[in-house]
Amino acid sequence: MLFALTFTTQAQVESGLLIGGGLGSISSKYNAGALQTSRNNDVNYKANVSLGYRFRVPFSDTTPLFADLDANLGLKLWHSEYGASSVHPAFSENSSDIFYTSLSGTLNYSVLENLSIGAGVEPTYYFRFEGEDSSKHFDTPIVGKVAYNFDTFEIGFSYKYGLMNVLKTDYLESGKIRDWQISVWIPF
């Protein structure tokens, strides 16, 4: 009896490959002590890409609620330039890469047959910085998403609002990351 109950529960869970990419912004505050004479500072978020795996868990056949649990590996690219003025060359310029891993959990609601909206959190650990290095390595962005499920794949659009100061460098006192991302989920 227990085996039959376990098999029925597991049969409802869908899982598959998750591929994502997008743009974003960095909400930054500059380190006044390191940049006393600087007047032309620029921090640009370039792009993000991720590869992951999703487990979709419906609550029941009768309710439009379901949960998505995602595990991801990814890369974020940003560029920083610090200079005294726009006519002088920058005294520090970096193209930086941040490698990360994250676990995301969202609670979703099917608005229409194939259209859903969801919200959740995505604890993220930044494990490698190339270029401008940071002394901070953890963030917990709030996630909001909209997705449309075609029969063989799902396309989703999400916004991730970083809450913690991920970028703390020689020139940045703080930097919070905001992501816009398009993802494709291919269930198996």
N, C-alpha and C. Protein backbone atom coordinates (compact mmCIF):
# COMPACT_ATOMS: atom_id res chain seq x y z
N MET A 1 0.83 -1.19 0.00
CA MET A 1 0.00 0.00 0.00
C MET A 1 0.87 1.26 0.00
N LEU A 2 1.92 1.30 0.85
CA LEU A 2 2.81 2.45 0.91
C LEU A 2 3.53 2.65 -0.42
N PHE A 3 3.95 1.57 -1.07
CA PHE A 3 4.63 1.66 -2.35
C PHE A 3 3.71 2.29 -3.40
N ALA A 4 2.46 1.90 -3.44
CA ALA A 4 1.50 2.45 -4.41
C ALA A 4 1.28 3.94 -4.17
N LEU A 5 1.20 4.37 -2.92
CA LEU A 5 1.01 5.78 -2.59
C LEU A 5 2.23 6.60 -3.01
N THR A 6 3.43 6.08 -2.74
CA THR A 6 4.66 6.76 -3.12
C THR A 6 4.78 6.87 -4.63
N PHE A 7 4.46 5.82 -5.35
CA PHE A 7 4.54 5.84 -6.81
C PHE A 7 3.56 6.86 -7.40
N THR A 8 2.35 6.95 -6.86
CA THR A 8 1.36 7.90 -7.35
C THR A 8 1.83 9.33 -7.14
N THR A 9 2.40 9.64 -5.99
CA THR A 9 2.91 10.97 -5.70
C THR A 9 4.06 11.32 -6.63
N GLN A 10 4.99 10.39 -6.84
CA GLN A 10 6.14 10.65 -7.69
C GLN A 10 5.74 10.80 -9.16
N ALA A 11 4.70 10.13 -9.59
CA ALA A 11 4.28 10.22 -10.98
C ALA A 11 3.77 11.61 -11.32
N GLN A 12 3.34 12.39 -10.36
CA GLN A 12 2.83 13.73 -10.62
C GLN A 12 3.95 14.75 -10.79
N VAL A 13 5.12 14.49 -10.29
CA VAL A 13 6.24 15.43 -10.37
C VAL A 13 6.83 15.40 -11.77
N GLU A 14 6.98 16.58 -12.37
CA GLU A 14 7.66 16.70 -13.66
C GLU A 14 9.05 17.28 -13.40
N SER A 15 9.99 16.95 -14.26
CA SER A 15 11.32 17.53 -14.13
C SER A 15 11.94 17.66 -15.51
N GLY A 16 12.93 18.56 -15.59
CA GLY A 16 13.59 18.74 -16.87
C GLY A 16 14.64 19.83 -16.85
N LEU A 17 15.26 20.02 -18.00
CA LEU A 17 16.34 20.96 -18.20
C LEU A 17 15.83 22.40 -18.23
N LEU A 18 16.58 23.32 -17.62
CA LEU A 18 16.22 24.74 -17.55
C LEU A 18 17.39 25.57 -18.08
N ILE A 19 17.13 26.37 -19.12
CA ILE A 19 18.15 27.21 -19.74
C ILE A 19 17.67 28.66 -19.66
N GLY A 20 18.53 29.57 -19.20
CA GLY A 20 18.11 30.96 -19.05
C GLY A 20 19.18 31.95 -19.43
N GLY A 21 18.75 33.17 -19.68
CA GLY A 21 19.66 34.25 -20.00
C GLY A 21 18.94 35.58 -19.95
N GLY A 22 19.69 36.64 -19.76
CA GLY A 22 19.04 37.94 -19.72
C GLY A 22 19.98 39.09 -19.44
N LEU A 23 19.38 40.18 -18.99
CA LEU A 23 20.08 41.42 -18.68
C LEU A 23 19.73 41.82 -17.25
N GLY A 24 20.18 42.98 -16.86
CA GLY A 24 19.85 43.45 -15.53
C GLY A 24 20.49 44.78 -15.23
N SER A 25 20.60 45.07 -13.95
CA SER A 25 21.22 46.31 -13.50
C SER A 25 21.88 46.08 -12.16
N ILE A 26 22.77 46.99 -11.81
CA ILE A 26 23.44 46.95 -10.51
C ILE A 26 23.14 48.26 -9.81
N SER A 27 22.48 48.16 -8.66
CA SER A 27 22.24 49.34 -7.84
C SER A 27 23.47 49.52 -6.96
N SER A 28 24.29 50.52 -7.27
CA SER A 28 25.59 50.64 -6.61
C SER A 28 25.75 51.94 -5.83
N LYS A 29 26.58 51.83 -4.81
CA LYS A 29 26.98 52.99 -4.01
C LYS A 29 28.51 52.96 -4.00
N TYR A 30 29.13 54.09 -4.33
CA TYR A 30 30.57 54.14 -4.47
C TYR A 30 31.26 54.39 -3.12
N ASN A 31 32.48 53.89 -3.00
CA ASN A 31 33.30 54.06 -1.81
C ASN A 31 33.95 55.45 -1.88
N ALA A 32 33.42 56.39 -1.11
CA ALA A 32 33.89 57.78 -1.17
C ALA A 32 35.36 57.91 -0.81
N GLY A 33 35.86 57.08 0.11
CA GLY A 33 37.27 57.15 0.51
C GLY A 33 38.22 56.77 -0.60
N ALA A 34 37.86 55.80 -1.41
CA ALA A 34 38.73 55.35 -2.50
C ALA A 34 38.60 56.22 -3.74
N LEU A 35 37.48 56.94 -3.87
CA LEU A 35 37.21 57.72 -5.08
C LEU A 35 37.05 59.20 -4.77
N GLN A 36 37.92 59.76 -3.93
CA GLN A 36 37.75 61.15 -3.50
C GLN A 36 37.75 62.14 -4.64
N THR A 37 38.59 61.95 -5.63
CA THR A 37 38.66 62.90 -6.74
C THR A 37 37.90 62.42 -7.96
N SER A 38 37.30 61.28 -7.89
CA SER A 38 36.65 60.71 -9.06
C SER A 38 35.30 61.36 -9.33
N ARG A 39 35.04 61.65 -10.60
CA ARG A 39 33.78 62.26 -10.99
C ARG A 39 33.04 61.44 -12.04
N ASN A 40 33.71 60.50 -12.67
CA ASN A 40 33.11 59.76 -13.78
C ASN A 40 33.18 58.26 -13.50
N ASN A 41 32.22 57.76 -12.73
CA ASN A 41 32.19 56.35 -12.37
C ASN A 41 31.02 55.67 -13.08
N ASP A 42 31.26 54.45 -13.54
CA ASP A 42 30.23 53.75 -14.29
C ASP A 42 30.33 52.25 -13.98
N VAL A 43 29.20 51.65 -13.59
CA VAL A 43 29.11 50.21 -13.36
C VAL A 43 27.96 49.69 -14.20
N ASN A 44 28.27 48.84 -15.17
CA ASN A 44 27.26 48.33 -16.10
C ASN A 44 27.14 46.82 -16.00
N TYR A 45 25.93 46.36 -15.82
CA TYR A 45 25.60 44.93 -15.86
C TYR A 45 25.45 44.57 -17.33
N LYS A 46 26.18 43.57 -17.79
CA LYS A 46 26.17 43.22 -19.22
C LYS A 46 25.17 42.11 -19.55
N ALA A 47 25.23 40.97 -18.86
CA ALA A 47 24.37 39.83 -19.20
C ALA A 47 24.46 38.77 -18.12
N ASN A 48 23.51 37.82 -18.19
CA ASN A 48 23.58 36.64 -17.34
C ASN A 48 23.12 35.43 -18.13
N VAL A 49 23.70 34.28 -17.83
CA VAL A 49 23.30 33.01 -18.42
C VAL A 49 23.27 31.96 -17.31
N SER A 50 22.39 30.98 -17.46
CA SER A 50 22.33 29.91 -16.46
C SER A 50 21.86 28.62 -17.10
N LEU A 51 22.24 27.54 -16.48
CA LEU A 51 21.84 26.19 -16.88
C LEU A 51 21.43 25.48 -15.61
N GLY A 52 20.28 24.83 -15.63
CA GLY A 52 19.80 24.20 -14.41
C GLY A 52 18.85 23.06 -14.66
N TYR A 53 18.22 22.65 -13.57
CA TYR A 53 17.26 21.54 -13.60
C TYR A 53 16.07 21.93 -12.73
N ARG A 54 14.87 21.68 -13.23
CA ARG A 54 13.65 22.06 -12.51
C ARG A 54 12.82 20.83 -12.14
N PHE A 55 12.29 20.87 -10.93
CA PHE A 55 11.28 19.91 -10.47
C PHE A 55 9.98 20.69 -10.29
N ARG A 56 8.92 20.24 -10.93
CA ARG A 56 7.60 20.87 -10.79
C ARG A 56 6.71 19.93 -9.99
N VAL A 57 6.17 20.46 -8.88
CA VAL A 57 5.36 19.66 -7.97
C VAL A 57 3.96 20.26 -7.89
N PRO A 58 2.95 19.60 -8.51
CA PRO A 58 1.58 20.08 -8.37
C PRO A 58 1.04 19.72 -6.98
N PHE A 59 0.18 20.59 -6.44
CA PHE A 59 -0.39 20.30 -5.12
C PHE A 59 -1.49 19.26 -5.20
N SER A 60 -2.30 19.31 -6.26
CA SER A 60 -3.32 18.28 -6.51
C SER A 60 -3.86 18.50 -7.93
N ASP A 61 -4.65 17.56 -8.40
CA ASP A 61 -5.23 17.68 -9.73
C ASP A 61 -6.34 18.73 -9.78
N THR A 62 -6.88 19.08 -8.63
CA THR A 62 -8.03 19.99 -8.60
C THR A 62 -7.67 21.44 -8.33
N THR A 63 -6.46 21.73 -7.93
CA THR A 63 -6.06 23.10 -7.62
C THR A 63 -5.09 23.63 -8.68
N PRO A 64 -5.16 24.92 -9.00
CA PRO A 64 -4.24 25.50 -9.99
C PRO A 64 -2.88 25.88 -9.40
N LEU A 65 -2.61 25.51 -8.15
CA LEU A 65 -1.33 25.84 -7.51
C LEU A 65 -0.31 24.74 -7.77
N PHE A 66 0.94 25.17 -7.97
CA PHE A 66 2.05 24.22 -8.08
C PHE A 66 3.33 24.92 -7.64
N ALA A 67 4.35 24.13 -7.33
CA ALA A 67 5.64 24.68 -6.91
C ALA A 67 6.71 24.28 -7.92
N ASP A 68 7.64 25.20 -8.17
CA ASP A 68 8.82 24.91 -8.98
C ASP A 68 10.04 24.99 -8.08
N LEU A 69 10.88 23.97 -8.13
CA LEU A 69 12.14 23.93 -7.40
C LEU A 69 13.26 23.82 -8.43
N ASP A 70 14.13 24.84 -8.49
CA ASP A 70 15.18 24.90 -9.50
C ASP A 70 16.56 24.88 -8.86
N ALA A 71 17.48 24.17 -9.49
CA ALA A 71 18.89 24.19 -9.13
C ALA A 71 19.65 24.70 -10.35
N ASN A 72 20.47 25.75 -10.19
CA ASN A 72 21.14 26.40 -11.32
C ASN A 72 22.62 26.60 -11.09
N LEU A 73 23.36 26.63 -12.20
CA LEU A 73 24.73 27.13 -12.26
C LEU A 73 24.71 28.26 -13.27
N GLY A 74 25.41 29.35 -12.99
CA GLY A 74 25.32 30.46 -13.92
C GLY A 74 26.51 31.40 -13.89
N LEU A 75 26.43 32.41 -14.75
CA LEU A 75 27.48 33.40 -14.91
C LEU A 75 26.82 34.76 -15.13
N LYS A 76 27.33 35.79 -14.44
CA LYS A 76 26.88 37.17 -14.63
C LYS A 76 28.10 37.99 -15.06
N LEU A 77 27.90 38.88 -16.02
CA LEU A 77 28.98 39.69 -16.57
C LEU A 77 28.70 41.16 -16.30
N TRP A 78 29.71 41.89 -15.82
CA TRP A 78 29.55 43.32 -15.59
C TRP A 78 30.86 44.03 -15.88
N HIS A 79 30.75 45.33 -16.11
CA HIS A 79 31.91 46.15 -16.46
C HIS A 79 31.92 47.39 -15.57
N SER A 80 33.08 47.71 -15.03
CA SER A 80 33.20 48.90 -14.19
C SER A 80 34.33 49.79 -14.69
N GLU A 81 34.11 51.10 -14.55
CA GLU A 81 35.09 52.08 -14.98
C GLU A 81 35.06 53.25 -14.00
N TYR A 82 36.23 53.60 -13.46
CA TYR A 82 36.31 54.68 -12.48
C TYR A 82 37.34 55.68 -13.00
N GLY A 83 36.93 56.95 -13.12
CA GLY A 83 37.83 57.96 -13.65
C GLY A 83 37.57 59.33 -13.06
N ALA A 84 38.54 60.22 -13.25
CA ALA A 84 38.43 61.57 -12.71
C ALA A 84 37.46 62.42 -13.51
N SER A 85 37.40 62.23 -14.82
CA SER A 85 36.46 62.98 -15.65
C SER A 85 36.30 62.24 -16.97
N SER A 86 35.34 62.70 -17.76
CA SER A 86 35.09 62.03 -19.04
C SER A 86 36.18 62.31 -20.07
N VAL A 87 37.00 63.33 -19.88
CA VAL A 87 38.07 63.64 -20.84
C VAL A 87 39.39 62.95 -20.50
N HIS A 88 39.53 62.43 -19.29
CA HIS A 88 40.75 61.71 -18.90
C HIS A 88 40.49 60.21 -18.94
N PRO A 89 41.53 59.42 -19.22
CA PRO A 89 41.34 57.97 -19.20
C PRO A 89 41.00 57.47 -17.79
N ALA A 90 40.28 56.37 -17.74
CA ALA A 90 39.90 55.78 -16.44
C ALA A 90 41.13 55.32 -15.69
N PHE A 91 41.15 55.51 -14.36
CA PHE A 91 42.27 55.00 -13.58
C PHE A 91 42.05 53.55 -13.18
N SER A 92 40.84 53.05 -13.31
CA SER A 92 40.57 51.63 -13.08
C SER A 92 39.42 51.22 -13.99
N GLU A 93 39.63 50.15 -14.76
CA GLU A 93 38.61 49.62 -15.66
C GLU A 93 38.67 48.10 -15.61
N ASN A 94 37.51 47.47 -15.38
CA ASN A 94 37.46 46.01 -15.24
C ASN A 94 36.25 45.44 -15.97
N SER A 95 36.47 44.34 -16.67
CA SER A 95 35.38 43.51 -17.14
C SER A 95 35.37 42.31 -16.22
N SER A 96 34.26 42.08 -15.55
CA SER A 96 34.21 41.09 -14.48
C SER A 96 33.19 40.00 -14.76
N ASP A 97 33.51 38.80 -14.31
CA ASP A 97 32.63 37.64 -14.40
C ASP A 97 32.37 37.14 -12.99
N ILE A 98 31.12 36.79 -12.71
CA ILE A 98 30.76 36.23 -11.41
C ILE A 98 30.08 34.88 -11.67
N PHE A 99 30.66 33.81 -11.17
CA PHE A 99 30.08 32.48 -11.30
C PHE A 99 29.25 32.20 -10.04
N TYR A 100 28.09 31.56 -10.22
CA TYR A 100 27.21 31.34 -9.08
C TYR A 100 26.47 30.02 -9.19
N THR A 101 25.94 29.61 -8.06
CA THR A 101 25.01 28.49 -7.99
C THR A 101 23.82 28.96 -7.15
N SER A 102 22.63 28.46 -7.50
CA SER A 102 21.44 28.90 -6.78
C SER A 102 20.42 27.78 -6.68
N LEU A 103 19.59 27.89 -5.65
CA LEU A 103 18.42 27.03 -5.47
C LEU A 103 17.21 27.95 -5.38
N SER A 104 16.25 27.74 -6.24
CA SER A 104 15.08 28.61 -6.30
C SER A 104 13.82 27.83 -5.96
N GLY A 105 12.95 28.47 -5.22
CA GLY A 105 11.64 27.89 -4.94
C GLY A 105 10.57 28.93 -5.21
N THR A 106 9.61 28.60 -6.08
CA THR A 106 8.52 29.53 -6.36
C THR A 106 7.18 28.82 -6.21
N LEU A 107 6.21 29.56 -5.73
CA LEU A 107 4.83 29.10 -5.65
C LEU A 107 4.11 29.75 -6.83
N ASN A 108 3.43 28.92 -7.63
CA ASN A 108 2.85 29.40 -8.89
C ASN A 108 1.35 29.14 -8.93
N TYR A 109 0.67 29.95 -9.74
CA TYR A 109 -0.77 29.83 -9.89
C TYR A 109 -1.11 29.88 -11.38
N SER A 110 -1.86 28.91 -11.87
CA SER A 110 -2.28 28.89 -13.28
C SER A 110 -3.45 29.85 -13.46
N VAL A 111 -3.18 30.96 -14.13
CA VAL A 111 -4.20 31.97 -14.38
C VAL A 111 -5.16 31.49 -15.47
N LEU A 112 -4.60 30.98 -16.54
CA LEU A 112 -5.34 30.36 -17.63
C LEU A 112 -4.80 28.95 -17.80
N GLU A 113 -5.27 28.24 -18.78
CA GLU A 113 -4.86 26.84 -18.95
C GLU A 113 -3.33 26.68 -19.02
N ASN A 114 -2.66 27.51 -19.81
CA ASN A 114 -1.22 27.37 -19.99
C ASN A 114 -0.40 28.55 -19.45
N LEU A 115 -1.06 29.56 -18.91
CA LEU A 115 -0.39 30.76 -18.42
C LEU A 115 -0.36 30.75 -16.90
N SER A 116 0.83 30.97 -16.33
CA SER A 116 0.95 30.97 -14.87
C SER A 116 1.77 32.17 -14.40
N ILE A 117 1.53 32.54 -13.14
CA ILE A 117 2.33 33.57 -12.48
C ILE A 117 2.87 32.95 -11.19
N GLY A 118 4.01 33.47 -10.73
CA GLY A 118 4.59 32.89 -9.52
C GLY A 118 5.48 33.88 -8.79
N ALA A 119 5.79 33.53 -7.55
CA ALA A 119 6.69 34.33 -6.71
C ALA A 119 7.44 33.41 -5.77
N GLY A 120 8.64 33.82 -5.39
CA GLY A 120 9.43 33.01 -4.48
C GLY A 120 10.77 33.66 -4.15
N VAL A 121 11.72 32.85 -3.75
CA VAL A 121 13.07 33.32 -3.41
C VAL A 121 14.10 32.42 -4.10
N GLU A 122 15.30 32.97 -4.27
CA GLU A 122 16.37 32.22 -4.91
C GLU A 122 17.69 32.44 -4.17
N PRO A 123 17.94 31.70 -3.08
CA PRO A 123 19.23 31.81 -2.41
C PRO A 123 20.37 31.51 -3.39
N THR A 124 21.34 32.43 -3.46
CA THR A 124 22.41 32.36 -4.45
C THR A 124 23.76 32.50 -3.77
N TYR A 125 24.69 31.62 -4.16
CA TYR A 125 26.06 31.69 -3.66
C TYR A 125 26.99 32.00 -4.83
N TYR A 126 27.74 33.11 -4.73
CA TYR A 126 28.71 33.50 -5.75
C TYR A 126 30.06 32.90 -5.34
N PHE A 127 30.52 31.93 -6.12
CA PHE A 127 31.71 31.19 -5.69
C PHE A 127 33.00 31.57 -6.41
N ARG A 128 32.91 32.38 -7.47
CA ARG A 128 34.14 32.77 -8.16
C ARG A 128 33.95 34.12 -8.83
N PHE A 129 34.89 35.02 -8.57
CA PHE A 129 34.89 36.34 -9.19
C PHE A 129 36.14 36.45 -10.05
N GLU A 130 35.98 36.87 -11.30
CA GLU A 130 37.12 37.16 -12.16
C GLU A 130 37.01 38.63 -12.56
N GLY A 131 38.10 39.36 -12.49
CA GLY A 131 38.07 40.81 -12.73
C GLY A 131 38.03 41.50 -11.38
N GLU A 132 37.09 42.42 -11.21
CA GLU A 132 36.94 43.13 -9.94
C GLU A 132 36.36 42.15 -8.91
N ASP A 133 37.10 41.87 -7.86
CA ASP A 133 36.73 40.87 -6.86
C ASP A 133 35.85 41.50 -5.78
N SER A 134 35.01 40.68 -5.17
CA SER A 134 34.12 41.15 -4.12
C SER A 134 34.35 40.36 -2.84
N SER A 135 34.14 41.01 -1.71
CA SER A 135 34.27 40.32 -0.43
C SER A 135 32.94 39.71 0.02
N LYS A 136 31.88 39.91 -0.76
CA LYS A 136 30.56 39.36 -0.43
C LYS A 136 30.24 38.21 -1.40
N HIS A 137 29.57 37.16 -0.89
CA HIS A 137 29.35 35.99 -1.73
C HIS A 137 27.95 35.40 -1.66
N PHE A 138 27.02 36.02 -0.97
CA PHE A 138 25.70 35.42 -0.81
C PHE A 138 24.59 36.46 -1.03
N ASP A 139 23.51 36.03 -1.66
CA ASP A 139 22.35 36.89 -1.88
C ASP A 139 21.09 36.04 -1.84
N THR A 140 19.96 36.66 -1.55
CA THR A 140 18.66 35.98 -1.56
C THR A 140 17.66 36.86 -2.31
N PRO A 141 17.70 36.80 -3.66
CA PRO A 141 16.77 37.62 -4.42
C PRO A 141 15.32 37.14 -4.29
N ILE A 142 14.42 38.11 -4.35
CA ILE A 142 12.99 37.81 -4.45
C ILE A 142 12.69 37.64 -5.94
N VAL A 143 11.92 36.61 -6.27
CA VAL A 143 11.65 36.28 -7.68
C VAL A 143 10.17 36.45 -7.99
N GLY A 144 9.87 37.10 -9.09
CA GLY A 144 8.53 37.16 -9.65
C GLY A 144 8.60 36.65 -11.08
N LYS A 145 7.63 35.83 -11.51
CA LYS A 145 7.73 35.29 -12.85
C LYS A 145 6.36 35.09 -13.50
N VAL A 146 6.38 35.08 -14.83
CA VAL A 146 5.24 34.77 -15.68
C VAL A 146 5.72 33.73 -16.67
N ALA A 147 4.91 32.68 -16.90
CA ALA A 147 5.33 31.62 -17.82
C ALA A 147 4.17 31.15 -18.67
N TYR A 148 4.51 30.73 -19.88
CA TYR A 148 3.52 30.13 -20.77
C TYR A 148 4.00 28.74 -21.14
N ASN A 149 3.16 27.75 -20.91
CA ASN A 149 3.52 26.36 -21.13
C ASN A 149 2.97 25.87 -22.46
N PHE A 150 3.87 25.63 -23.40
CA PHE A 150 3.52 24.94 -24.63
C PHE A 150 3.56 23.45 -24.28
N ASP A 151 3.11 22.58 -25.10
CA ASP A 151 3.04 21.17 -24.71
C ASP A 151 4.42 20.54 -24.47
N THR A 152 5.41 20.91 -25.26
CA THR A 152 6.72 20.27 -25.14
C THR A 152 7.76 21.09 -24.39
N PHE A 153 7.47 22.38 -24.14
CA PHE A 153 8.40 23.24 -23.40
C PHE A 153 7.63 24.40 -22.81
N GLU A 154 8.31 25.14 -21.91
CA GLU A 154 7.71 26.31 -21.28
C GLU A 154 8.67 27.48 -21.40
N ILE A 155 8.14 28.65 -21.74
CA ILE A 155 8.94 29.87 -21.78
C ILE A 155 8.52 30.73 -20.60
N GLY A 156 9.50 31.18 -19.83
CA GLY A 156 9.22 31.99 -18.65
C GLY A 156 9.98 33.31 -18.68
N PHE A 157 9.40 34.31 -18.05
CA PHE A 157 10.04 35.62 -17.91
C PHE A 157 10.05 35.93 -16.42
N SER A 158 11.24 36.20 -15.87
CA SER A 158 11.33 36.44 -14.42
C SER A 158 12.13 37.71 -14.13
N TYR A 159 11.83 38.29 -12.96
CA TYR A 159 12.58 39.41 -12.42
C TYR A 159 13.09 38.99 -11.05
N LYS A 160 14.39 39.18 -10.82
CA LYS A 160 15.01 38.80 -9.55
C LYS A 160 15.58 40.06 -8.91
N TYR A 161 15.09 40.37 -7.72
CA TYR A 161 15.44 41.59 -7.00
C TYR A 161 16.38 41.22 -5.85
N GLY A 162 17.68 41.42 -6.06
CA GLY A 162 18.67 41.09 -5.04
C GLY A 162 18.54 41.97 -3.81
N LEU A 163 18.57 41.36 -2.65
CA LEU A 163 18.40 42.09 -1.39
C LEU A 163 19.71 42.45 -0.70
N MET A 164 20.78 41.70 -0.99
CA MET A 164 22.03 41.87 -0.26
C MET A 164 23.08 42.57 -1.12
N ASN A 165 24.03 43.20 -0.47
CA ASN A 165 25.15 43.85 -1.15
C ASN A 165 26.14 42.79 -1.59
N VAL A 166 26.02 42.36 -2.85
CA VAL A 166 26.89 41.33 -3.38
C VAL A 166 28.25 41.89 -3.77
N LEU A 167 28.27 43.12 -4.27
CA LEU A 167 29.51 43.71 -4.75
C LEU A 167 30.07 44.68 -3.73
N LYS A 168 31.12 44.28 -3.07
CA LYS A 168 31.84 45.14 -2.14
C LYS A 168 33.31 45.04 -2.55
N THR A 169 33.79 46.08 -3.22
CA THR A 169 35.13 46.07 -3.78
C THR A 169 35.91 47.28 -3.26
N ASP A 170 37.10 47.49 -3.81
CA ASP A 170 37.89 48.66 -3.43
C ASP A 170 37.14 49.96 -3.74
N TYR A 171 36.41 49.99 -4.85
CA TYR A 171 35.75 51.21 -5.30
C TYR A 171 34.24 51.24 -5.03
N LEU A 172 33.64 50.06 -4.79
CA LEU A 172 32.20 50.01 -4.52
C LEU A 172 31.95 49.69 -3.05
N GLU A 173 31.18 50.54 -2.41
CA GLU A 173 30.77 50.27 -1.03
C GLU A 173 29.71 49.18 -1.01
N SER A 174 28.83 49.20 -2.01
CA SER A 174 27.81 48.17 -2.13
C SER A 174 27.31 48.09 -3.56
N GLY A 175 26.81 46.93 -3.91
CA GLY A 175 26.21 46.72 -5.22
C GLY A 175 25.19 45.60 -5.13
N LYS A 176 23.95 45.94 -5.44
CA LYS A 176 22.86 44.95 -5.42
C LYS A 176 22.48 44.63 -6.86
N ILE A 177 22.32 43.35 -7.15
CA ILE A 177 22.06 42.90 -8.52
C ILE A 177 20.57 42.70 -8.74
N ARG A 178 20.09 43.21 -9.88
CA ARG A 178 18.71 43.03 -10.33
C ARG A 178 18.77 42.33 -11.69
N ASP A 179 18.03 41.24 -11.87
CA ASP A 179 18.06 40.47 -13.11
C ASP A 179 16.71 40.43 -13.79
N TRP A 180 16.71 40.57 -15.12
CA TRP A 180 15.59 40.24 -15.98
C TRP A 180 16.05 39.01 -16.75
N GLN A 181 15.25 37.95 -16.74
CA GLN A 181 15.71 36.72 -17.36
C GLN A 181 14.58 36.02 -18.13
N ILE A 182 14.92 35.51 -19.29
CA ILE A 182 14.03 34.66 -20.07
C ILE A 182 14.58 33.24 -19.93
N SER A 183 13.68 32.30 -19.67
CA SER A 183 14.13 30.91 -19.51
C SER A 183 13.27 29.98 -20.34
N VAL A 184 13.86 28.86 -20.71
CA VAL A 184 13.16 27.79 -21.42
C VAL A 184 13.29 26.54 -20.56
N TRP A 185 12.15 25.94 -20.23
CA TRP A 185 12.14 24.70 -19.46
C TRP A 185 11.68 23.59 -20.40
N ILE A 186 12.46 22.52 -20.46
CA ILE A 186 12.15 21.37 -21.32
C ILE A 186 11.94 20.16 -20.41
N PRO A 187 10.68 19.81 -20.09
CA PRO A 187 10.44 18.65 -19.22
C PRO A 187 10.71 17.35 -19.97
N PHE A 188 11.17 16.36 -19.22
CA PHE A 188 11.44 15.04 -19.80
C PHE A 188 10.28 14.11 -19.53
